[in-house]
Amino acid sequence: MKKLLGAAAFLLVMAPAAWASPPAVPIGDQEQLQSIMNELNAEDLAYVPTELPAHYEVSATQTVYNQLTLSFTNTKYADGSAKSTASTINFSAQPFKGKLAACAKGSDSSLKVAGKTVYVKAGHVVWRCMRSPSGNNVVVFANSPSLGYDVLERVIASTARMKSS
């Protein structure tokens, strides 16, 4: 029993080490993105993941009136390398024209992660829908060529409104 408790305690201590401490997107970057989104009248899309695996950071951003896209790469791999490309996490926020109840359409399954319902589709795509402060619906999704669903599910479940200082 002592060995089992010791192993469980070790896992609890070690689990957080695999994920970087928030914020996943630095506040300064969030403020810049918010400024651009305000100019584009796209404030509804001001969502970012708050948790990423360790060693991941923002490598690219793109903001247009109807989509926010962020790419996160693993800093352990050289930029542009096959490993870097294969482990990239792509995150997007877009307007969702349907009702929130229709968010599951096209999914292969759904599950609760950190109290949030996320949807999964073959091809390493995970998403969830939410209502923005303006009352419009937004879908956020993440995909990766090689990372497991468990990683993408946690990234999407952690999604929250951008913060400012």
N, C-alpha and C. Protein backbone atom coordinates (compact mmCIF):
# COMPACT_ATOMS: atom_id res chain seq x y z
N MET A 1 0.82 -1.19 0.00
CA MET A 1 0.00 0.00 0.00
C MET A 1 0.86 1.26 0.00
N LYS A 2 1.95 1.23 0.81
CA LYS A 2 2.85 2.39 0.86
C LYS A 2 3.46 2.67 -0.50
N LYS A 3 3.84 1.59 -1.23
CA LYS A 3 4.42 1.76 -2.56
C LYS A 3 3.40 2.40 -3.51
N LEU A 4 2.15 1.96 -3.43
CA LEU A 4 1.10 2.50 -4.28
C LEU A 4 0.88 3.98 -3.98
N LEU A 5 0.80 4.34 -2.70
CA LEU A 5 0.62 5.75 -2.33
C LEU A 5 1.82 6.58 -2.75
N GLY A 6 3.01 6.02 -2.59
CA GLY A 6 4.22 6.72 -3.01
C GLY A 6 4.23 6.97 -4.50
N ALA A 7 3.83 5.97 -5.28
CA ALA A 7 3.78 6.12 -6.73
C ALA A 7 2.73 7.16 -7.14
N ALA A 8 1.58 7.14 -6.47
CA ALA A 8 0.54 8.12 -6.77
C ALA A 8 1.01 9.53 -6.44
N ALA A 9 1.67 9.70 -5.31
CA ALA A 9 2.18 11.02 -4.93
C ALA A 9 3.23 11.48 -5.93
N PHE A 10 4.10 10.57 -6.37
CA PHE A 10 5.11 10.92 -7.37
C PHE A 10 4.45 11.39 -8.66
N LEU A 11 3.44 10.68 -9.11
CA LEU A 11 2.74 11.07 -10.35
C LEU A 11 2.06 12.42 -10.21
N LEU A 12 1.47 12.69 -9.06
CA LEU A 12 0.83 13.98 -8.85
C LEU A 12 1.84 15.12 -8.86
N VAL A 13 3.00 14.89 -8.31
CA VAL A 13 4.04 15.91 -8.30
C VAL A 13 4.61 16.09 -9.70
N MET A 14 4.79 15.02 -10.44
CA MET A 14 5.41 15.08 -11.76
C MET A 14 4.46 15.55 -12.86
N ALA A 15 3.17 15.32 -12.74
CA ALA A 15 2.22 15.65 -13.81
C ALA A 15 2.29 17.11 -14.23
N PRO A 16 2.30 18.08 -13.30
CA PRO A 16 2.33 19.46 -13.74
C PRO A 16 3.60 19.82 -14.50
N ALA A 17 4.69 19.10 -14.30
CA ALA A 17 5.94 19.43 -14.97
C ALA A 17 5.84 19.26 -16.48
N ALA A 18 4.90 18.45 -16.95
CA ALA A 18 4.76 18.22 -18.38
C ALA A 18 4.00 19.35 -19.08
N TRP A 19 3.45 20.28 -18.32
CA TRP A 19 2.69 21.39 -18.89
C TRP A 19 3.29 22.70 -18.42
N ALA A 20 3.37 23.66 -19.31
CA ALA A 20 3.94 24.97 -18.98
C ALA A 20 2.99 25.74 -18.09
N SER A 21 3.55 26.64 -17.30
CA SER A 21 2.73 27.50 -16.44
C SER A 21 2.06 28.58 -17.27
N PRO A 22 0.82 28.92 -16.93
CA PRO A 22 0.15 30.02 -17.65
C PRO A 22 0.87 31.33 -17.43
N PRO A 23 0.76 32.32 -18.29
CA PRO A 23 -0.09 32.26 -19.47
C PRO A 23 0.61 31.58 -20.65
N ALA A 24 -0.13 30.80 -21.39
CA ALA A 24 0.41 30.12 -22.57
C ALA A 24 0.76 31.14 -23.65
N VAL A 25 -0.04 32.19 -23.73
CA VAL A 25 0.22 33.30 -24.65
C VAL A 25 0.55 34.50 -23.76
N PRO A 26 1.77 35.03 -23.86
CA PRO A 26 2.15 36.15 -22.99
C PRO A 26 1.15 37.32 -23.06
N ILE A 27 0.95 37.99 -21.93
CA ILE A 27 -0.02 39.09 -21.85
C ILE A 27 0.25 40.15 -22.92
N GLY A 28 1.52 40.49 -23.15
CA GLY A 28 1.85 41.48 -24.18
C GLY A 28 1.37 41.06 -25.56
N ASP A 29 1.53 39.77 -25.89
CA ASP A 29 1.03 39.25 -27.17
C ASP A 29 -0.49 39.31 -27.22
N GLN A 30 -1.14 38.98 -26.09
CA GLN A 30 -2.60 39.04 -26.05
C GLN A 30 -3.08 40.47 -26.28
N GLU A 31 -2.40 41.43 -25.66
CA GLU A 31 -2.80 42.84 -25.83
C GLU A 31 -2.64 43.28 -27.28
N GLN A 32 -1.55 42.86 -27.93
CA GLN A 32 -1.35 43.19 -29.35
C GLN A 32 -2.44 42.58 -30.21
N LEU A 33 -2.74 41.31 -29.96
CA LEU A 33 -3.79 40.63 -30.72
C LEU A 33 -5.14 41.31 -30.51
N GLN A 34 -5.44 41.67 -29.26
CA GLN A 34 -6.71 42.35 -28.97
C GLN A 34 -6.80 43.67 -29.72
N SER A 35 -5.72 44.40 -29.78
CA SER A 35 -5.71 45.68 -30.49
C SER A 35 -6.04 45.48 -31.97
N ILE A 36 -5.39 44.49 -32.57
CA ILE A 36 -5.66 44.19 -33.99
C ILE A 36 -7.10 43.74 -34.17
N MET A 37 -7.57 42.89 -33.26
CA MET A 37 -8.94 42.37 -33.37
C MET A 37 -9.96 43.50 -33.20
N ASN A 38 -9.68 44.44 -32.33
CA ASN A 38 -10.57 45.59 -32.17
C ASN A 38 -10.66 46.39 -33.46
N GLU A 39 -9.51 46.59 -34.12
CA GLU A 39 -9.50 47.32 -35.39
C GLU A 39 -10.30 46.58 -36.47
N LEU A 40 -10.28 45.25 -36.41
CA LEU A 40 -10.99 44.44 -37.40
C LEU A 40 -12.44 44.16 -37.00
N ASN A 41 -12.85 44.69 -35.86
CA ASN A 41 -14.20 44.43 -35.35
C ASN A 41 -14.41 42.93 -35.10
N ALA A 42 -13.38 42.28 -34.58
CA ALA A 42 -13.41 40.84 -34.35
C ALA A 42 -13.20 40.49 -32.88
N GLU A 43 -13.70 41.34 -31.98
CA GLU A 43 -13.49 41.14 -30.55
C GLU A 43 -14.05 39.82 -30.04
N ASP A 44 -15.08 39.29 -30.71
CA ASP A 44 -15.68 38.03 -30.28
C ASP A 44 -14.67 36.88 -30.29
N LEU A 45 -13.63 36.99 -31.11
CA LEU A 45 -12.69 35.89 -31.29
C LEU A 45 -11.48 35.97 -30.36
N ALA A 46 -11.55 36.80 -29.34
CA ALA A 46 -10.42 37.03 -28.43
C ALA A 46 -10.28 35.90 -27.41
N TYR A 47 -9.97 34.71 -27.90
CA TYR A 47 -9.76 33.53 -27.05
C TYR A 47 -8.39 32.95 -27.31
N VAL A 48 -7.76 32.45 -26.26
CA VAL A 48 -6.47 31.78 -26.36
C VAL A 48 -6.44 30.61 -25.37
N PRO A 49 -5.62 29.61 -25.66
CA PRO A 49 -5.44 28.56 -24.66
C PRO A 49 -4.67 29.13 -23.46
N THR A 50 -4.99 28.65 -22.29
CA THR A 50 -4.25 29.08 -21.10
C THR A 50 -3.22 28.05 -20.67
N GLU A 51 -3.27 26.87 -21.28
CA GLU A 51 -2.31 25.81 -20.96
C GLU A 51 -1.76 25.21 -22.24
N LEU A 52 -0.47 24.98 -22.23
CA LEU A 52 0.22 24.29 -23.33
C LEU A 52 1.18 23.28 -22.73
N PRO A 53 1.56 22.28 -23.51
CA PRO A 53 2.61 21.39 -23.01
C PRO A 53 3.89 22.18 -22.76
N ALA A 54 4.75 21.66 -21.90
CA ALA A 54 6.04 22.31 -21.63
C ALA A 54 6.82 22.48 -22.92
N HIS A 55 7.57 23.55 -23.00
CA HIS A 55 8.45 23.88 -24.13
C HIS A 55 7.70 24.40 -25.35
N TYR A 56 6.42 24.66 -25.24
CA TYR A 56 5.68 25.21 -26.37
C TYR A 56 5.52 26.71 -26.21
N GLU A 57 5.63 27.41 -27.35
CA GLU A 57 5.42 28.85 -27.34
C GLU A 57 4.81 29.28 -28.68
N VAL A 58 4.26 30.49 -28.69
CA VAL A 58 3.66 31.03 -29.90
C VAL A 58 4.76 31.19 -30.96
N SER A 59 4.51 30.66 -32.14
CA SER A 59 5.49 30.81 -33.23
C SER A 59 4.93 31.63 -34.38
N ALA A 60 3.60 31.72 -34.48
CA ALA A 60 2.98 32.50 -35.56
C ALA A 60 1.57 32.89 -35.14
N THR A 61 1.16 34.07 -35.61
CA THR A 61 -0.21 34.52 -35.38
C THR A 61 -0.76 35.09 -36.68
N GLN A 62 -2.05 34.96 -36.85
CA GLN A 62 -2.72 35.57 -37.99
C GLN A 62 -4.11 35.97 -37.52
N THR A 63 -4.47 37.20 -37.79
CA THR A 63 -5.78 37.69 -37.38
C THR A 63 -6.44 38.35 -38.58
N VAL A 64 -7.63 37.88 -38.92
CA VAL A 64 -8.46 38.52 -39.93
C VAL A 64 -9.83 38.71 -39.30
N TYR A 65 -10.73 39.37 -40.00
CA TYR A 65 -12.02 39.72 -39.41
C TYR A 65 -12.83 38.52 -38.94
N ASN A 66 -12.59 37.34 -39.53
CA ASN A 66 -13.42 36.19 -39.16
C ASN A 66 -12.63 35.00 -38.63
N GLN A 67 -11.34 35.21 -38.28
CA GLN A 67 -10.57 34.10 -37.73
C GLN A 67 -9.31 34.60 -37.05
N LEU A 68 -9.05 34.03 -35.89
CA LEU A 68 -7.78 34.20 -35.18
C LEU A 68 -7.07 32.85 -35.25
N THR A 69 -5.83 32.85 -35.69
CA THR A 69 -5.05 31.61 -35.78
C THR A 69 -3.72 31.81 -35.06
N LEU A 70 -3.40 30.86 -34.19
CA LEU A 70 -2.13 30.85 -33.48
C LEU A 70 -1.47 29.50 -33.71
N SER A 71 -0.17 29.51 -33.95
CA SER A 71 0.59 28.27 -34.04
C SER A 71 1.56 28.24 -32.88
N PHE A 72 1.67 27.08 -32.26
CA PHE A 72 2.57 26.86 -31.13
C PHE A 72 3.55 25.76 -31.51
N THR A 73 4.84 26.01 -31.31
CA THR A 73 5.84 25.00 -31.63
C THR A 73 6.65 24.66 -30.39
N ASN A 74 7.23 23.47 -30.44
CA ASN A 74 8.05 22.96 -29.35
C ASN A 74 9.45 23.52 -29.52
N THR A 75 9.91 24.28 -28.55
CA THR A 75 11.22 24.95 -28.64
C THR A 75 12.39 23.98 -28.53
N LYS A 76 12.12 22.72 -28.23
CA LYS A 76 13.19 21.73 -28.19
C LYS A 76 13.66 21.36 -29.60
N TYR A 77 12.85 21.66 -30.61
CA TYR A 77 13.18 21.31 -31.98
C TYR A 77 13.53 22.55 -32.79
N ALA A 78 14.46 22.40 -33.72
CA ALA A 78 14.87 23.52 -34.57
C ALA A 78 13.68 23.98 -35.43
N ASP A 79 13.54 25.31 -35.56
CA ASP A 79 12.47 25.86 -36.41
C ASP A 79 12.56 25.27 -37.81
N GLY A 80 11.40 24.87 -38.32
CA GLY A 80 11.34 24.34 -39.68
C GLY A 80 11.74 22.89 -39.82
N SER A 81 12.21 22.28 -38.74
CA SER A 81 12.61 20.87 -38.82
C SER A 81 11.37 19.99 -38.92
N ALA A 82 11.56 18.77 -39.36
CA ALA A 82 10.44 17.82 -39.48
C ALA A 82 9.77 17.60 -38.12
N LYS A 83 10.58 17.50 -37.06
CA LYS A 83 10.02 17.29 -35.72
C LYS A 83 9.21 18.51 -35.27
N SER A 84 9.73 19.70 -35.56
CA SER A 84 9.01 20.92 -35.19
C SER A 84 7.66 20.98 -35.91
N THR A 85 7.68 20.72 -37.20
CA THR A 85 6.44 20.76 -37.99
C THR A 85 5.45 19.71 -37.52
N ALA A 86 5.92 18.51 -37.26
CA ALA A 86 5.04 17.42 -36.85
C ALA A 86 4.41 17.65 -35.49
N SER A 87 5.09 18.40 -34.62
CA SER A 87 4.57 18.60 -33.27
C SER A 87 3.88 19.95 -33.09
N THR A 88 3.71 20.71 -34.15
CA THR A 88 3.05 22.02 -34.06
C THR A 88 1.59 21.85 -33.63
N ILE A 89 1.14 22.76 -32.77
CA ILE A 89 -0.27 22.85 -32.40
C ILE A 89 -0.84 24.08 -33.10
N ASN A 90 -1.86 23.88 -33.91
CA ASN A 90 -2.55 24.98 -34.57
C ASN A 90 -3.86 25.23 -33.83
N PHE A 91 -4.09 26.47 -33.44
CA PHE A 91 -5.27 26.87 -32.67
C PHE A 91 -5.99 27.96 -33.45
N SER A 92 -7.32 27.86 -33.54
CA SER A 92 -8.10 28.89 -34.23
C SER A 92 -9.39 29.18 -33.48
N ALA A 93 -9.84 30.42 -33.63
CA ALA A 93 -11.16 30.84 -33.14
C ALA A 93 -11.89 31.45 -34.31
N GLN A 94 -13.15 31.04 -34.49
CA GLN A 94 -13.98 31.53 -35.59
C GLN A 94 -15.39 31.74 -35.10
N PRO A 95 -16.16 32.59 -35.80
CA PRO A 95 -17.57 32.70 -35.46
C PRO A 95 -18.25 31.35 -35.71
N PHE A 96 -19.20 31.01 -34.86
CA PHE A 96 -19.99 29.79 -35.05
C PHE A 96 -21.41 30.22 -35.33
N LYS A 97 -21.88 29.96 -36.53
CA LYS A 97 -23.19 30.46 -36.96
C LYS A 97 -24.36 29.67 -36.37
N GLY A 98 -24.12 28.46 -35.95
CA GLY A 98 -25.20 27.63 -35.42
C GLY A 98 -25.48 27.90 -33.96
N LYS A 99 -26.44 27.14 -33.44
CA LYS A 99 -26.74 27.19 -32.01
C LYS A 99 -25.68 26.35 -31.28
N LEU A 100 -25.42 26.70 -30.02
CA LEU A 100 -24.42 25.96 -29.26
C LEU A 100 -24.72 24.47 -29.21
N ALA A 101 -26.00 24.11 -29.21
CA ALA A 101 -26.39 22.70 -29.16
C ALA A 101 -25.94 21.95 -30.42
N ALA A 102 -25.66 22.67 -31.51
CA ALA A 102 -25.25 22.04 -32.76
C ALA A 102 -23.72 21.93 -32.88
N CYS A 103 -23.00 22.32 -31.87
CA CYS A 103 -21.54 22.32 -31.91
C CYS A 103 -20.97 20.93 -32.17
N ALA A 104 -21.64 19.90 -31.73
CA ALA A 104 -21.13 18.53 -31.86
C ALA A 104 -21.23 17.99 -33.29
N LYS A 105 -21.92 18.69 -34.16
CA LYS A 105 -22.12 18.19 -35.52
C LYS A 105 -20.77 17.90 -36.19
N GLY A 106 -20.63 16.70 -36.71
CA GLY A 106 -19.41 16.29 -37.38
C GLY A 106 -18.40 15.62 -36.48
N SER A 107 -18.66 15.58 -35.18
CA SER A 107 -17.69 14.97 -34.27
C SER A 107 -17.85 13.45 -34.26
N ASP A 108 -16.76 12.79 -33.92
CA ASP A 108 -16.79 11.34 -33.72
C ASP A 108 -17.13 10.99 -32.28
N SER A 109 -16.79 11.91 -31.37
CA SER A 109 -17.08 11.68 -29.95
C SER A 109 -16.99 13.00 -29.20
N SER A 110 -17.46 12.96 -27.96
CA SER A 110 -17.33 14.12 -27.07
C SER A 110 -16.94 13.61 -25.70
N LEU A 111 -16.33 14.48 -24.92
CA LEU A 111 -15.98 14.13 -23.56
C LEU A 111 -15.81 15.39 -22.74
N LYS A 112 -15.82 15.21 -21.43
CA LYS A 112 -15.61 16.32 -20.50
C LYS A 112 -14.14 16.35 -20.13
N VAL A 113 -13.54 17.53 -20.26
CA VAL A 113 -12.15 17.75 -19.87
C VAL A 113 -12.14 19.01 -19.02
N ALA A 114 -11.71 18.89 -17.79
CA ALA A 114 -11.69 20.03 -16.86
C ALA A 114 -13.06 20.72 -16.81
N GLY A 115 -14.13 19.92 -16.86
CA GLY A 115 -15.48 20.46 -16.77
C GLY A 115 -16.03 21.05 -18.05
N LYS A 116 -15.27 21.00 -19.13
CA LYS A 116 -15.70 21.55 -20.42
C LYS A 116 -15.97 20.41 -21.39
N THR A 117 -17.02 20.54 -22.18
CA THR A 117 -17.30 19.54 -23.21
C THR A 117 -16.48 19.86 -24.44
N VAL A 118 -15.67 18.90 -24.88
CA VAL A 118 -14.89 19.06 -26.09
C VAL A 118 -15.30 17.96 -27.07
N TYR A 119 -15.13 18.25 -28.35
CA TYR A 119 -15.52 17.33 -29.41
C TYR A 119 -14.28 16.91 -30.19
N VAL A 120 -14.30 15.66 -30.65
CA VAL A 120 -13.13 15.07 -31.30
C VAL A 120 -13.55 14.52 -32.66
N LYS A 121 -12.68 14.72 -33.64
CA LYS A 121 -12.88 14.18 -34.98
C LYS A 121 -11.58 13.52 -35.41
N ALA A 122 -11.68 12.41 -36.12
CA ALA A 122 -10.49 11.75 -36.65
C ALA A 122 -9.67 12.75 -37.43
N GLY A 123 -8.37 12.62 -37.37
CA GLY A 123 -7.49 13.56 -38.04
C GLY A 123 -6.90 14.55 -37.05
N HIS A 124 -6.98 14.22 -35.78
CA HIS A 124 -6.37 15.03 -34.72
C HIS A 124 -6.96 16.44 -34.66
N VAL A 125 -8.28 16.52 -34.65
CA VAL A 125 -8.97 17.81 -34.51
C VAL A 125 -9.86 17.74 -33.28
N VAL A 126 -9.75 18.78 -32.43
CA VAL A 126 -10.55 18.88 -31.21
C VAL A 126 -11.11 20.29 -31.15
N TRP A 127 -12.38 20.44 -30.74
CA TRP A 127 -12.98 21.76 -30.65
C TRP A 127 -14.01 21.85 -29.54
N ARG A 128 -14.40 23.09 -29.26
CA ARG A 128 -15.53 23.36 -28.39
C ARG A 128 -16.11 24.71 -28.78
N CYS A 129 -17.35 24.92 -28.40
CA CYS A 129 -18.04 26.17 -28.70
C CYS A 129 -18.37 26.90 -27.41
N MET A 130 -18.46 28.20 -27.52
CA MET A 130 -18.83 29.02 -26.36
C MET A 130 -19.49 30.30 -26.84
N ARG A 131 -20.13 30.97 -25.92
CA ARG A 131 -20.77 32.24 -26.22
C ARG A 131 -19.84 33.37 -25.78
N SER A 132 -19.57 34.30 -26.70
CA SER A 132 -18.70 35.44 -26.38
C SER A 132 -19.49 36.43 -25.52
N PRO A 133 -18.82 37.40 -24.90
CA PRO A 133 -19.52 38.39 -24.07
C PRO A 133 -20.59 39.18 -24.85
N SER A 134 -20.42 39.31 -26.17
CA SER A 134 -21.41 40.03 -26.97
C SER A 134 -22.66 39.18 -27.24
N GLY A 135 -22.60 37.88 -26.91
CA GLY A 135 -23.72 36.98 -27.15
C GLY A 135 -23.59 36.16 -28.41
N ASN A 136 -22.55 36.41 -29.21
CA ASN A 136 -22.32 35.63 -30.43
C ASN A 136 -21.59 34.33 -30.08
N ASN A 137 -21.84 33.30 -30.85
CA ASN A 137 -21.20 32.02 -30.62
C ASN A 137 -19.86 31.95 -31.34
N VAL A 138 -18.91 31.27 -30.69
CA VAL A 138 -17.55 31.13 -31.21
C VAL A 138 -17.15 29.66 -31.09
N VAL A 139 -16.43 29.15 -32.10
CA VAL A 139 -15.86 27.82 -32.03
C VAL A 139 -14.34 27.98 -31.98
N VAL A 140 -13.71 27.26 -31.07
CA VAL A 140 -12.25 27.22 -31.00
C VAL A 140 -11.84 25.79 -31.27
N PHE A 141 -10.80 25.63 -32.07
CA PHE A 141 -10.35 24.28 -32.36
C PHE A 141 -8.84 24.22 -32.45
N ALA A 142 -8.32 23.02 -32.25
CA ALA A 142 -6.89 22.78 -32.32
C ALA A 142 -6.65 21.50 -33.10
N ASN A 143 -5.54 21.50 -33.82
CA ASN A 143 -5.13 20.28 -34.50
C ASN A 143 -3.61 20.21 -34.49
N SER A 144 -3.11 19.03 -34.74
CA SER A 144 -1.67 18.78 -34.78
C SER A 144 -1.43 17.55 -35.63
N PRO A 145 -0.39 17.57 -36.44
CA PRO A 145 -0.10 16.40 -37.26
C PRO A 145 0.19 15.14 -36.47
N SER A 146 0.77 15.28 -35.26
CA SER A 146 1.19 14.06 -34.56
C SER A 146 0.86 13.99 -33.08
N LEU A 147 0.46 15.10 -32.47
CA LEU A 147 0.17 15.04 -31.03
C LEU A 147 -1.13 14.31 -30.77
N GLY A 148 -1.22 13.66 -29.64
CA GLY A 148 -2.39 12.89 -29.27
C GLY A 148 -3.59 13.75 -28.92
N TYR A 149 -4.76 13.13 -28.99
CA TYR A 149 -6.00 13.83 -28.65
C TYR A 149 -5.96 14.35 -27.22
N ASP A 150 -5.32 13.60 -26.31
CA ASP A 150 -5.29 14.03 -24.92
C ASP A 150 -4.63 15.40 -24.77
N VAL A 151 -3.60 15.68 -25.55
CA VAL A 151 -2.94 16.98 -25.51
C VAL A 151 -3.86 18.06 -26.07
N LEU A 152 -4.44 17.80 -27.23
CA LEU A 152 -5.31 18.78 -27.87
C LEU A 152 -6.57 19.04 -27.04
N GLU A 153 -7.11 18.00 -26.43
CA GLU A 153 -8.30 18.16 -25.58
C GLU A 153 -8.00 19.11 -24.43
N ARG A 154 -6.85 18.95 -23.82
CA ARG A 154 -6.50 19.81 -22.68
C ARG A 154 -6.27 21.26 -23.14
N VAL A 155 -5.63 21.44 -24.29
CA VAL A 155 -5.42 22.79 -24.83
C VAL A 155 -6.77 23.47 -25.06
N ILE A 156 -7.70 22.76 -25.69
CA ILE A 156 -9.01 23.36 -25.99
C ILE A 156 -9.81 23.58 -24.72
N ALA A 157 -9.77 22.65 -23.80
CA ALA A 157 -10.50 22.82 -22.54
C ALA A 157 -10.00 24.04 -21.77
N SER A 158 -8.73 24.38 -21.93
CA SER A 158 -8.15 25.51 -21.18
C SER A 158 -8.46 26.86 -21.79
N THR A 159 -9.07 26.89 -22.96
CA THR A 159 -9.31 28.15 -23.68
C THR A 159 -10.14 29.13 -22.87
N ALA A 160 -9.69 30.39 -22.86
CA ALA A 160 -10.38 31.45 -22.12
C ALA A 160 -10.22 32.77 -22.89
N ARG A 161 -10.99 33.77 -22.47
CA ARG A 161 -10.87 35.11 -23.05
C ARG A 161 -9.47 35.64 -22.81
N MET A 162 -8.99 36.42 -23.77
CA MET A 162 -7.69 37.07 -23.60
C MET A 162 -7.71 38.00 -22.42
N LYS A 163 -6.55 38.14 -21.81
CA LYS A 163 -6.40 39.04 -20.66
C LYS A 163 -5.60 40.25 -21.08
N SER A 164 -5.77 41.33 -20.35
CA SER A 164 -4.92 42.50 -20.56
C SER A 164 -4.35 42.90 -19.21
N SER A 165 -3.23 43.60 -19.24
CA SER A 165 -2.56 43.94 -17.98
C SER A 165 -3.28 45.01 -17.21
